[in-house]
Amino acid sequence: MIGVLSGQADTLTFKVKGLVCSFCAHGLNKGIGKLPFTNEKDVLINIKNQTVKVAINKTYKSDPHLKQAVELIKNTGYDVDKVFLNGKEVWR
């Protein structure tokens, strides 16, 4: 696993297909960590479960841009199967 989630923030979980190496996971962590609703320290990548969990900054006042995050993951070479917000499916 790469990253550590902090606090009681809302969490997005991306079910990602094809995530197999820690080097690639590290690059994905850096990319997602630059999105406006999170940062690198609040991204947790689990290669075994092929999930990317992202804590949403409490100071971010808008809805997270799921389309932007999904496109970033796809542009990195992975497929996104589903996205969950606090355990509830919000994108497929």
PDB file of N, CA and C in Angstrom:
ATOM      1  N   MET A   1       0.836  -1.179   0.000  1.00  0.00           N
ATOM      2  CA  MET A   1       0.000   0.000   0.000  1.00  0.00           C
ATOM      3  C   MET A   1       0.877   1.237   0.000  1.00  0.00           C
ATOM      4  N   ILE A   2       0.415   2.237  -0.697  1.00  0.00           N
ATOM      5  CA  ILE A   2       1.142   3.498  -0.762  1.00  0.00           C
ATOM      6  C   ILE A   2       0.217   4.585  -0.244  1.00  0.00           C
ATOM      7  N   GLY A   3       0.727   5.427   0.677  1.00  0.00           N
ATOM      8  CA  GLY A   3      -0.052   6.544   1.194  1.00  0.00           C
ATOM      9  C   GLY A   3      -0.740   6.202   2.501  1.00  0.00           C
ATOM     10  N   VAL A   4      -1.234   7.237   3.157  1.00  0.00           N
ATOM     11  CA  VAL A   4      -1.947   7.089   4.419  1.00  0.00           C
ATOM     12  C   VAL A   4      -3.089   8.083   4.427  1.00  0.00           C
ATOM     13  N   LEU A   5      -4.301   7.621   4.705  1.00  0.00           N
ATOM     14  CA  LEU A   5      -5.432   8.538   4.800  1.00  0.00           C
ATOM     15  C   LEU A   5      -5.484   9.121   6.200  1.00  0.00           C
ATOM     16  N   SER A   6      -5.861  10.383   6.282  1.00  0.00           N
ATOM     17  CA  SER A   6      -5.886  11.046   7.583  1.00  0.00           C
ATOM     18  C   SER A   6      -7.278  11.502   7.958  1.00  0.00           C
ATOM     19  N   GLY A   7      -7.521  11.590   9.235  1.00  0.00           N
ATOM     20  CA  GLY A   7      -8.734  12.208   9.764  1.00  0.00           C
ATOM     21  C   GLY A   7     -10.035  11.555   9.365  1.00  0.00           C
ATOM     22  N   GLN A   8     -11.100  12.327   9.518  1.00  0.00           N
ATOM     23  CA  GLN A   8     -12.450  11.865   9.264  1.00  0.00           C
ATOM     24  C   GLN A   8     -13.016  12.466   7.987  1.00  0.00           C
ATOM     25  N   ALA A   9     -12.199  12.692   6.997  1.00  0.00           N
ATOM     26  CA  ALA A   9     -12.641  13.306   5.745  1.00  0.00           C
ATOM     27  C   ALA A   9     -13.508  12.336   4.956  1.00  0.00           C
ATOM     28  N   ASP A  10     -14.321  12.889   4.044  1.00  0.00           N
ATOM     29  CA  ASP A  10     -15.044  12.055   3.097  1.00  0.00           C
ATOM     30  C   ASP A  10     -14.016  11.339   2.233  1.00  0.00           C
ATOM     31  N   THR A  11     -14.350  10.126   1.810  1.00  0.00           N
ATOM     32  CA  THR A  11     -13.403   9.317   1.061  1.00  0.00           C
ATOM     33  C   THR A  11     -13.987   8.840  -0.255  1.00  0.00           C
ATOM     34  N   LEU A  12     -13.236   9.053  -1.324  1.00  0.00           N
ATOM     35  CA  LEU A  12     -13.554   8.484  -2.634  1.00  0.00           C
ATOM     36  C   LEU A  12     -12.735   7.214  -2.792  1.00  0.00           C
ATOM     37  N   THR A  13     -13.352   6.157  -3.298  1.00  0.00           N
ATOM     38  CA  THR A  13     -12.645   4.918  -3.573  1.00  0.00           C
ATOM     39  C   THR A  13     -12.852   4.573  -5.039  1.00  0.00           C
ATOM     40  N   PHE A  14     -11.757   4.451  -5.756  1.00  0.00           N
ATOM     41  CA  PHE A  14     -11.776   4.099  -7.164  1.00  0.00           C
ATOM     42  C   PHE A  14     -11.381   2.637  -7.286  1.00  0.00           C
ATOM     43  N   LYS A  15     -12.210   1.828  -7.917  1.00  0.00           N
ATOM     44  CA  LYS A  15     -11.877   0.431  -8.216  1.00  0.00           C
ATOM     45  C   LYS A  15     -11.173   0.450  -9.567  1.00  0.00           C
ATOM     46  N   VAL A  16      -9.872   0.133  -9.562  1.00  0.00           N
ATOM     47  CA  VAL A  16      -9.014   0.292 -10.735  1.00  0.00           C
ATOM     48  C   VAL A  16      -8.563  -1.079 -11.237  1.00  0.00           C
ATOM     49  N   LYS A  17      -8.658  -1.293 -12.537  1.00  0.00           N
ATOM     50  CA  LYS A  17      -8.204  -2.551 -13.137  1.00  0.00           C
ATOM     51  C   LYS A  17      -6.813  -2.362 -13.732  1.00  0.00           C
ATOM     52  N   GLY A  18      -5.925  -3.338 -13.474  1.00  0.00           N
ATOM     53  CA  GLY A  18      -4.607  -3.326 -14.086  1.00  0.00           C
ATOM     54  C   GLY A  18      -3.495  -2.738 -13.240  1.00  0.00           C
ATOM     55  N   LEU A  19      -3.784  -2.404 -12.012  1.00  0.00           N
ATOM     56  CA  LEU A  19      -2.788  -1.802 -11.117  1.00  0.00           C
ATOM     57  C   LEU A  19      -1.964  -2.924 -10.479  1.00  0.00           C
ATOM     58  N   VAL A  20      -0.713  -3.100 -10.950  1.00  0.00           N
ATOM     59  CA  VAL A  20       0.057  -4.252 -10.483  1.00  0.00           C
ATOM     60  C   VAL A  20       1.435  -3.935  -9.901  1.00  0.00           C
ATOM     61  N   CYS A  21       1.973  -2.743 -10.133  1.00  0.00           N
ATOM     62  CA  CYS A  21       3.328  -2.501  -9.630  1.00  0.00           C
ATOM     63  C   CYS A  21       3.374  -1.246  -8.752  1.00  0.00           C
ATOM     64  N   SER A  22       4.272  -1.281  -7.773  1.00  0.00           N
ATOM     65  CA  SER A  22       4.363  -0.170  -6.821  1.00  0.00           C
ATOM     66  C   SER A  22       4.934   1.093  -7.463  1.00  0.00           C
ATOM     67  N   PHE A  23       5.783   0.953  -8.464  1.00  0.00           N
ATOM     68  CA  PHE A  23       6.328   2.120  -9.152  1.00  0.00           C
ATOM     69  C   PHE A  23       5.210   2.900  -9.840  1.00  0.00           C
ATOM     70  N   CYS A  24       4.329   2.177 -10.527  1.00  0.00           N
ATOM     71  CA  CYS A  24       3.192   2.816 -11.201  1.00  0.00           C
ATOM     72  C   CYS A  24       2.225   3.414 -10.179  1.00  0.00           C
ATOM     73  N   ALA A  25       2.023   2.713  -9.090  1.00  0.00           N
ATOM     74  CA  ALA A  25       1.144   3.209  -8.037  1.00  0.00           C
ATOM     75  C   ALA A  25       1.679   4.518  -7.472  1.00  0.00           C
ATOM     76  N   HIS A  26       2.987   4.620  -7.350  1.00  0.00           N
ATOM     77  CA  HIS A  26       3.603   5.848  -6.840  1.00  0.00           C
ATOM     78  C   HIS A  26       3.316   7.026  -7.779  1.00  0.00           C
ATOM     79  N   GLY A  27       3.443   6.787  -9.084  1.00  0.00           N
ATOM     80  CA  GLY A  27       3.146   7.837 -10.065  1.00  0.00           C
ATOM     81  C   GLY A  27       1.687   8.244 -10.027  1.00  0.00           C
ATOM     82  N   LEU A  28       0.807   7.267  -9.874  1.00  0.00           N
ATOM     83  CA  LEU A  28      -0.621   7.545  -9.776  1.00  0.00           C
ATOM     84  C   LEU A  28      -0.921   8.358  -8.515  1.00  0.00           C
ATOM     85  N   ASN A  29      -0.262   8.013  -7.426  1.00  0.00           N
ATOM     86  CA  ASN A  29      -0.422   8.744  -6.166  1.00  0.00           C
ATOM     87  C   ASN A  29      -0.060  10.213  -6.366  1.00  0.00           C
ATOM     88  N   LYS A  30       1.064  10.477  -7.020  1.00  0.00           N
ATOM     89  CA  LYS A  30       1.498  11.858  -7.251  1.00  0.00           C
ATOM     90  C   LYS A  30       0.494  12.613  -8.120  1.00  0.00           C
ATOM     91  N   GLY A  31      -0.008  11.962  -9.171  1.00  0.00           N
ATOM     92  CA  GLY A  31      -0.961  12.615 -10.065  1.00  0.00           C
ATOM     93  C   GLY A  31      -2.268  12.954  -9.378  1.00  0.00           C
ATOM     94  N   ILE A  32      -2.825  11.989  -8.677  1.00  0.00           N
ATOM     95  CA  ILE A  32      -4.089  12.232  -7.974  1.00  0.00           C
ATOM     96  C   ILE A  32      -3.887  13.236  -6.857  1.00  0.00           C
ATOM     97  N   GLY A  33      -2.734  13.184  -6.214  1.00  0.00           N
ATOM     98  CA  GLY A  33      -2.438  14.115  -5.126  1.00  0.00           C
ATOM     99  C   GLY A  33      -2.390  15.565  -5.554  1.00  0.00           C
ATOM    100  N   LYS A  34      -2.291  15.819  -6.852  1.00  0.00           N
ATOM    101  CA  LYS A  34      -2.267  17.195  -7.363  1.00  0.00           C
ATOM    102  C   LYS A  34      -3.652  17.721  -7.733  1.00  0.00           C
ATOM    103  N   LEU A  35      -4.670  16.865  -7.628  1.00  0.00           N
ATOM    104  CA  LEU A  35      -6.028  17.329  -7.913  1.00  0.00           C
ATOM    105  C   LEU A  35      -6.457  18.324  -6.836  1.00  0.00           C
ATOM    106  N   PRO A  36      -7.336  19.260  -7.166  1.00  0.00           N
ATOM    107  CA  PRO A  36      -7.657  20.342  -6.234  1.00  0.00           C
ATOM    108  C   PRO A  36      -8.373  19.915  -4.947  1.00  0.00           C
ATOM    109  N   PHE A  37      -8.955  18.732  -4.901  1.00  0.00           N
ATOM    110  CA  PHE A  37      -9.719  18.337  -3.716  1.00  0.00           C
ATOM    111  C   PHE A  37      -8.954  17.421  -2.761  1.00  0.00           C
ATOM    112  N   THR A  38      -7.680  17.155  -3.052  1.00  0.00           N
ATOM    113  CA  THR A  38      -6.892  16.282  -2.183  1.00  0.00           C
ATOM    114  C   THR A  38      -5.414  16.650  -2.280  1.00  0.00           C
ATOM    115  N   ASN A  39      -4.555  15.845  -1.654  1.00  0.00           N
ATOM    116  CA  ASN A  39      -3.110  16.006  -1.801  1.00  0.00           C
ATOM    117  C   ASN A  39      -2.450  14.643  -1.669  1.00  0.00           C
ATOM    118  N   GLU A  40      -1.173  14.552  -1.974  1.00  0.00           N
ATOM    119  CA  GLU A  40      -0.471  13.261  -2.009  1.00  0.00           C
ATOM    120  C   GLU A  40      -0.555  12.481  -0.709  1.00  0.00           C
ATOM    121  N   LYS A  41      -0.525  13.157   0.418  1.00  0.00           N
ATOM    122  CA  LYS A  41      -0.533  12.423   1.688  1.00  0.00           C
ATOM    123  C   LYS A  41      -1.904  11.827   2.003  1.00  0.00           C
ATOM    124  N   ASP A  42      -2.937  12.220   1.252  1.00  0.00           N
ATOM    125  CA  ASP A  42      -4.278  11.699   1.497  1.00  0.00           C
ATOM    126  C   ASP A  42      -4.762  10.768   0.391  1.00  0.00           C
ATOM    127  N   VAL A  43      -3.808  10.083  -0.247  1.00  0.00           N
ATOM    128  CA  VAL A  43      -4.114   9.095  -1.278  1.00  0.00           C
ATOM    129  C   VAL A  43      -3.537   7.754  -0.824  1.00  0.00           C
ATOM    130  N   LEU A  44      -4.374   6.730  -0.809  1.00  0.00           N
ATOM    131  CA  LEU A  44      -3.952   5.392  -0.398  1.00  0.00           C
ATOM    132  C   LEU A  44      -4.207   4.445  -1.566  1.00  0.00           C
ATOM    133  N   ILE A  45      -3.147   3.823  -2.048  1.00  0.00           N
ATOM    134  CA  ILE A  45      -3.270   2.902  -3.170  1.00  0.00           C
ATOM    135  C   ILE A  45      -2.978   1.493  -2.673  1.00  0.00           C
ATOM    136  N   ASN A  46      -3.933   0.594  -2.927  1.00  0.00           N
ATOM    137  CA  ASN A  46      -3.788  -0.802  -2.530  1.00  0.00           C
ATOM    138  C   ASN A  46      -3.711  -1.642  -3.799  1.00  0.00           C
ATOM    139  N   ILE A  47      -2.511  -2.092  -4.130  1.00  0.00           N
ATOM    140  CA  ILE A  47      -2.292  -2.851  -5.356  1.00  0.00           C
ATOM    141  C   ILE A  47      -3.030  -4.188  -5.299  1.00  0.00           C
ATOM    142  N   LYS A  48      -2.971  -4.846  -4.164  1.00  0.00           N
ATOM    143  CA  LYS A  48      -3.610  -6.169  -4.016  1.00  0.00           C
ATOM    144  C   LYS A  48      -5.112  -6.094  -4.298  1.00  0.00           C
ATOM    145  N   ASN A  49      -5.780  -5.076  -3.746  1.00  0.00           N
ATOM    146  CA  ASN A  49      -7.230  -4.916  -3.939  1.00  0.00           C
ATOM    147  C   ASN A  49      -7.570  -4.079  -5.163  1.00  0.00           C
ATOM    148  N   GLN A  50      -6.549  -3.530  -5.813  1.00  0.00           N
ATOM    149  CA  GLN A  50      -6.695  -2.655  -6.977  1.00  0.00           C
ATOM    150  C   GLN A  50      -7.675  -1.512  -6.684  1.00  0.00           C
ATOM    151  N   THR A  51      -7.395  -0.813  -5.589  1.00  0.00           N
ATOM    152  CA  THR A  51      -8.205   0.344  -5.212  1.00  0.00           C
ATOM    153  C   THR A  51      -7.328   1.554  -4.974  1.00  0.00           C
ATOM    154  N   VAL A  52      -7.916   2.710  -5.215  1.00  0.00           N
ATOM    155  CA  VAL A  52      -7.283   3.989  -4.916  1.00  0.00           C
ATOM    156  C   VAL A  52      -8.271   4.734  -4.032  1.00  0.00           C
ATOM    157  N   LYS A  53      -7.880   5.013  -2.788  1.00  0.00           N
ATOM    158  CA  LYS A  53      -8.732   5.760  -1.855  1.00  0.00           C
ATOM    159  C   LYS A  53      -8.166   7.160  -1.703  1.00  0.00           C
ATOM    160  N   VAL A  54      -9.073   8.127  -1.748  1.00  0.00           N
ATOM    161  CA  VAL A  54      -8.678   9.529  -1.705  1.00  0.00           C
ATOM    162  C   VAL A  54      -9.508  10.240  -0.646  1.00  0.00           C
ATOM    163  N   ALA A  55      -8.837  10.854   0.317  1.00  0.00           N
ATOM    164  CA  ALA A  55      -9.529  11.679   1.313  1.00  0.00           C
ATOM    165  C   ALA A  55      -9.734  13.063   0.720  1.00  0.00           C
ATOM    166  N   ILE A  56     -10.957  13.546   0.786  1.00  0.00           N
ATOM    167  CA  ILE A  56     -11.288  14.862   0.252  1.00  0.00           C
ATOM    168  C   ILE A  56     -10.969  15.911   1.316  1.00  0.00           C
ATOM    169  N   ASN A  57     -10.198  16.932   0.921  1.00  0.00           N
ATOM    170  CA  ASN A  57      -9.860  18.008   1.862  1.00  0.00           C
ATOM    171  C   ASN A  57     -11.128  18.626   2.436  1.00  0.00           C
ATOM    172  N   LYS A  58     -11.164  18.783   3.737  1.00  0.00           N
ATOM    173  CA  LYS A  58     -12.339  19.380   4.394  1.00  0.00           C
ATOM    174  C   LYS A  58     -12.542  20.830   3.969  1.00  0.00           C
ATOM    175  N   THR A  59     -11.486  21.486   3.524  1.00  0.00           N
ATOM    176  CA  THR A  59     -11.593  22.890   3.113  1.00  0.00           C
ATOM    177  C   THR A  59     -12.103  23.042   1.686  1.00  0.00           C
ATOM    178  N   TYR A  60     -12.201  21.937   0.941  1.00  0.00           N
ATOM    179  CA  TYR A  60     -12.673  21.988  -0.443  1.00  0.00           C
ATOM    180  C   TYR A  60     -14.192  22.118  -0.421  1.00  0.00           C
ATOM    181  N   LYS A  61     -14.726  23.190  -0.985  1.00  0.00           N
ATOM    182  CA  LYS A  61     -16.149  23.515  -0.846  1.00  0.00           C
ATOM    183  C   LYS A  61     -17.034  22.974  -1.966  1.00  0.00           C
ATOM    184  N   SER A  62     -16.448  22.489  -3.054  1.00  0.00           N
ATOM    185  CA  SER A  62     -17.233  21.976  -4.173  1.00  0.00           C
ATOM    186  C   SER A  62     -17.241  20.454  -4.147  1.00  0.00           C
ATOM    187  N   ASP A  63     -18.060  19.862  -4.992  1.00  0.00           N
ATOM    188  CA  ASP A  63     -17.997  18.422  -5.173  1.00  0.00           C
ATOM    189  C   ASP A  63     -16.689  18.088  -5.874  1.00  0.00           C
ATOM    190  N   PRO A  64     -16.069  16.961  -5.507  1.00  0.00           N
ATOM    191  CA  PRO A  64     -14.841  16.581  -6.199  1.00  0.00           C
ATOM    192  C   PRO A  64     -15.135  16.307  -7.671  1.00  0.00           C
ATOM    193  N   HIS A  65     -14.204  16.594  -8.514  1.00  0.00           N
ATOM    194  CA  HIS A  65     -14.364  16.423  -9.955  1.00  0.00           C
ATOM    195  C   HIS A  65     -14.055  14.975 -10.321  1.00  0.00           C
ATOM    196  N   LEU A  66     -15.071  14.123 -10.244  1.00  0.00           N
ATOM    197  CA  LEU A  66     -14.863  12.704 -10.525  1.00  0.00           C
ATOM    198  C   LEU A  66     -14.368  12.480 -11.947  1.00  0.00           C
ATOM    199  N   LYS A  67     -14.934  13.222 -12.887  1.00  0.00           N
ATOM    200  CA  LYS A  67     -14.535  13.054 -14.286  1.00  0.00           C
ATOM    201  C   LYS A  67     -13.040  13.319 -14.444  1.00  0.00           C
ATOM    202  N   GLN A  68     -12.550  14.372 -13.805  1.00  0.00           N
ATOM    203  CA  GLN A  68     -11.135  14.720 -13.878  1.00  0.00           C
ATOM    204  C   GLN A  68     -10.278  13.603 -13.277  1.00  0.00           C
ATOM    205  N   ALA A  69     -10.696  13.058 -12.142  1.00  0.00           N
ATOM    206  CA  ALA A  69      -9.936  11.994 -11.490  1.00  0.00           C
ATOM    207  C   ALA A  69      -9.956  10.714 -12.321  1.00  0.00           C
ATOM    208  N   VAL A  70     -11.128  10.366 -12.862  1.00  0.00           N
ATOM    209  CA  VAL A  70     -11.240   9.162 -13.691  1.00  0.00           C
ATOM    210  C   VAL A  70     -10.371   9.308 -14.940  1.00  0.00           C
ATOM    211  N   GLU A  71     -10.399  10.470 -15.577  1.00  0.00           N
ATOM    212  CA  GLU A  71      -9.571  10.702 -16.765  1.00  0.00           C
ATOM    213  C   GLU A  71      -8.086  10.596 -16.430  1.00  0.00           C
ATOM    214  N   LEU A  72      -7.682  11.134 -15.290  1.00  0.00           N
ATOM    215  CA  LEU A  72      -6.283  11.045 -14.876  1.00  0.00           C
ATOM    216  C   LEU A  72      -5.873   9.584 -14.715  1.00  0.00           C
ATOM    217  N   ILE A  73      -6.708   8.784 -14.075  1.00  0.00           N
ATOM    218  CA  ILE A  73      -6.398   7.368 -13.869  1.00  0.00           C
ATOM    219  C   ILE A  73      -6.325   6.651 -15.218  1.00  0.00           C
ATOM    220  N   LYS A  74      -7.280   6.931 -16.096  1.00  0.00           N
ATOM    221  CA  LYS A  74      -7.281   6.295 -17.420  1.00  0.00           C
ATOM    222  C   LYS A  74      -6.071   6.718 -18.241  1.00  0.00           C
ATOM    223  N   ASN A  75      -5.688   7.988 -18.167  1.00  0.00           N
ATOM    224  CA  ASN A  75      -4.522   8.478 -18.903  1.00  0.00           C
ATOM    225  C   ASN A  75      -3.219   7.884 -18.379  1.00  0.00           C
ATOM    226  N   THR A  76      -3.258   7.379 -17.163  1.00  0.00           N
ATOM    227  CA  THR A  76      -2.093   6.727 -16.580  1.00  0.00           C
ATOM    228  C   THR A  76      -2.005   5.273 -17.038  1.00  0.00           C
ATOM    229  N   GLY A  77      -3.067   4.787 -17.703  1.00  0.00           N
ATOM    230  CA  GLY A  77      -3.035   3.450 -18.273  1.00  0.00           C
ATOM    231  C   GLY A  77      -3.905   2.420 -17.592  1.00  0.00           C
ATOM    232  N   TYR A  78      -4.812   2.854 -16.737  1.00  0.00           N
ATOM    233  CA  TYR A  78      -5.667   1.923 -16.003  1.00  0.00           C
ATOM    234  C   TYR A  78      -7.132   2.165 -16.347  1.00  0.00           C
ATOM    235  N   ASP A  79      -7.945   1.146 -16.128  1.00  0.00           N
ATOM    236  CA  ASP A  79      -9.392   1.283 -16.299  1.00  0.00           C
ATOM    237  C   ASP A  79     -10.025   1.478 -14.937  1.00  0.00           C
ATOM    238  N   VAL A  80     -11.017   2.359 -14.879  1.00  0.00           N
ATOM    239  CA  VAL A  80     -11.768   2.567 -13.650  1.00  0.00           C
ATOM    240  C   VAL A  80     -13.096   1.842 -13.796  1.00  0.00           C
ATOM    241  N   ASP A  81     -13.351   0.911 -12.896  1.00  0.00           N
ATOM    242  CA  ASP A  81     -14.574   0.118 -12.944  1.00  0.00           C
ATOM    243  C   ASP A  81     -15.716   0.834 -12.234  1.00  0.00           C
ATOM    244  N   LYS A  82     -15.456   1.301 -11.015  1.00  0.00           N
ATOM    245  CA  LYS A  82     -16.476   1.954 -10.194  1.00  0.00           C
ATOM    246  C   LYS A  82     -15.818   2.994  -9.305  1.00  0.00           C
ATOM    247  N   VAL A  83     -16.640   3.941  -8.840  1.00  0.00           N
ATOM    248  CA  VAL A  83     -16.180   4.930  -7.869  1.00  0.00           C
ATOM    249  C   VAL A  83     -17.212   4.983  -6.748  1.00  0.00           C
ATOM    250  N   PHE A  84     -16.723   5.005  -5.518  1.00  0.00           N
ATOM    251  CA  PHE A  84     -17.573   5.065  -4.336  1.00  0.00           C
ATOM    252  C   PHE A  84     -17.247   6.322  -3.537  1.00  0.00           C
ATOM    253  N   LEU A  85     -18.264   6.959  -2.981  1.00  0.00           N
ATOM    254  CA  LEU A  85     -18.077   8.066  -2.045  1.00  0.00           C
ATOM    255  C   LEU A  85     -18.600   7.592  -0.706  1.00  0.00           C
ATOM    256  N   ASN A  86     -17.717   7.477   0.262  1.00  0.00           N
ATOM    257  CA  ASN A  86     -18.052   6.971   1.595  1.00  0.00           C
ATOM    258  C   ASN A  86     -18.798   5.636   1.527  1.00  0.00           C
ATOM    259  N   GLY A  87     -18.366   4.768   0.608  1.00  0.00           N
ATOM    260  CA  GLY A  87     -18.942   3.435   0.501  1.00  0.00           C
ATOM    261  C   GLY A  87     -20.153   3.314  -0.410  1.00  0.00           C
ATOM    262  N   LYS A  88     -20.679   4.436  -0.908  1.00  0.00           N
ATOM    263  CA  LYS A  88     -21.849   4.408  -1.787  1.00  0.00           C
ATOM    264  C   LYS A  88     -21.394   4.629  -3.232  1.00  0.00           C
ATOM    265  N   GLU A  89     -21.826   3.729  -4.132  1.00  0.00           N
ATOM    266  CA  GLU A  89     -21.418   3.836  -5.523  1.00  0.00           C
ATOM    267  C   GLU A  89     -21.970   5.130  -6.141  1.00  0.00           C
ATOM    268  N   VAL A  90     -21.062   5.915  -6.754  1.00  0.00           N
ATOM    269  CA  VAL A  90     -21.462   7.193  -7.351  1.00  0.00           C
ATOM    270  C   VAL A  90     -21.109   7.278  -8.831  1.00  0.00           C
ATOM    271  N   TRP A  91     -20.350   6.306  -9.351  1.00  0.00           N
ATOM    272  CA  TRP A  91     -19.969   6.334 -10.766  1.00  0.00           C
ATOM    273  C   TRP A  91     -19.668   4.917 -11.217  1.00  0.00           C
ATOM    274  N   ARG A  92     -20.069   4.623 -12.451  1.00  0.00           N
ATOM    275  CA  ARG A  92     -19.782   3.299 -13.011  1.00  0.00           C
ATOM    276  C   ARG A  92     -19.480   3.422 -14.466  1.00  0.00           C
TER     277      ARG A  92
END
